Amino acid sequence: MAKPSEKQIAARAYKLWEEAGMPKGKDDEFWHAAEQELLKEDKSNPMRTPDTL
C-alpha cells in the first residue's frame, strides 16, 4: 500500500478544515483525519492487485 504524499494529505486536510468552519489551533487533528481518510480510501480501492497489498 502506498502511503499518501504530504501534498495529498495537505490538500485533504485543508478541505476538511474549510468544511469545519476553519477553526484555529486544530492543524494536527485535520492532518491526522486526512491521512486516515486517504489510507482507508486506498485500502478500499477495487483496483488494488495482489502486488499492491
C-alpha atoms as a PDB file:
ATOM      1  CA  MET A   1       0.000   0.000   0.000  1.00  0.00           C
ATOM      2  CA  ALA A   2       1.376   3.357  -0.989  1.00  0.00           C
ATOM      3  CA  LYS A   3       1.309   5.984   1.717  1.00  0.00           C
ATOM      4  CA  PRO A   4      -0.344   9.231   0.617  1.00  0.00           C
ATOM      5  CA  SER A   5       2.051  12.065  -0.165  1.00  0.00           C
ATOM      6  CA  GLU A   6       2.296  15.131   2.063  1.00  0.00           C
ATOM      7  CA  LYS A   7       0.768  17.157  -0.761  1.00  0.00           C
ATOM      8  CA  GLN A   8      -2.277  14.830  -0.899  1.00  0.00           C
ATOM      9  CA  ILE A   9      -2.693  14.913   2.877  1.00  0.00           C
ATOM     10  CA  ALA A  10      -2.337  18.703   2.980  1.00  0.00           C
ATOM     11  CA  ALA A  11      -4.970  19.180   0.274  1.00  0.00           C
ATOM     12  CA  ARG A  12      -7.440  16.869   2.025  1.00  0.00           C
ATOM     13  CA  ALA A  13      -6.720  18.402   5.448  1.00  0.00           C
ATOM     14  CA  TYR A  14      -7.348  21.881   4.060  1.00  0.00           C
ATOM     15  CA  LYS A  15     -10.683  20.780   2.599  1.00  0.00           C
ATOM     16  CA  LEU A  16     -11.719  19.203   5.916  1.00  0.00           C
ATOM     17  CA  TRP A  17     -10.646  22.361   7.762  1.00  0.00           C
ATOM     18  CA  GLU A  18     -12.693  24.564   5.422  1.00  0.00           C
ATOM     19  CA  GLU A  19     -15.744  22.315   5.790  1.00  0.00           C
ATOM     20  CA  ALA A  20     -15.421  22.534   9.584  1.00  0.00           C
ATOM     21  CA  GLY A  21     -15.559  26.343   9.511  1.00  0.00           C
ATOM     22  CA  MET A  22     -11.789  26.976   9.616  1.00  0.00           C
ATOM     23  CA  PRO A  23     -11.242  26.546  13.373  1.00  0.00           C
ATOM     24  CA  LYS A  24      -7.920  27.761  14.759  1.00  0.00           C
ATOM     25  CA  GLY A  25      -5.411  25.526  16.521  1.00  0.00           C
ATOM     26  CA  LYS A  26      -6.587  22.175  15.147  1.00  0.00           C
ATOM     27  CA  ASP A  27      -3.996  21.638  12.416  1.00  0.00           C
ATOM     28  CA  ASP A  28      -2.786  18.300  13.777  1.00  0.00           C
ATOM     29  CA  GLU A  29      -6.323  16.947  14.082  1.00  0.00           C
ATOM     30  CA  PHE A  30      -7.165  17.759  10.478  1.00  0.00           C
ATOM     31  CA  TRP A  31      -3.830  16.404   9.239  1.00  0.00           C
ATOM     32  CA  HIS A  32      -4.378  13.107  11.058  1.00  0.00           C
ATOM     33  CA  ALA A  33      -8.004  12.830   9.879  1.00  0.00           C
ATOM     34  CA  ALA A  34      -6.982  13.499   6.271  1.00  0.00           C
ATOM     35  CA  GLU A  35      -4.182  10.949   6.420  1.00  0.00           C
ATOM     36  CA  GLN A  36      -6.516   8.299   7.850  1.00  0.00           C
ATOM     37  CA  GLU A  37      -9.156   9.005   5.204  1.00  0.00           C
ATOM     38  CA  LEU A  38      -6.637   8.670   2.400  1.00  0.00           C
ATOM     39  CA  LEU A  39      -5.214   5.449   3.830  1.00  0.00           C
ATOM     40  CA  LYS A  40      -8.715   4.000   4.210  1.00  0.00           C
ATOM     41  CA  GLU A  41      -9.572   5.084   0.662  1.00  0.00           C
ATOM     42  CA  ASP A  42      -6.551   3.209  -0.656  1.00  0.00           C
ATOM     43  CA  LYS A  43      -7.492   0.024   1.194  1.00  0.00           C
ATOM     44  CA  SER A  44     -10.985   0.054  -0.291  1.00  0.00           C
ATOM     45  CA  ASN A  45      -9.806   0.734  -3.843  1.00  0.00           C
ATOM     46  CA  PRO A  46     -11.168  -2.089  -6.046  1.00  0.00           C
ATOM     47  CA  MET A  47      -8.283  -1.587  -8.497  1.00  0.00           C
ATOM     48  CA  ARG A  48      -5.772  -2.911  -5.980  1.00  0.00           C
ATOM     49  CA  THR A  49      -3.945  -6.010  -7.084  1.00  0.00           C
ATOM     50  CA  PRO A  50      -2.086  -8.625  -5.010  1.00  0.00           C
ATOM     51  CA  ASP A  51       1.134  -6.784  -5.866  1.00  0.00           C
ATOM     52  CA  THR A  52      -0.082  -3.654  -4.070  1.00  0.00           C
ATOM     53  CA  LEU A  53      -1.453  -5.316  -0.942  1.00  0.00           C
END
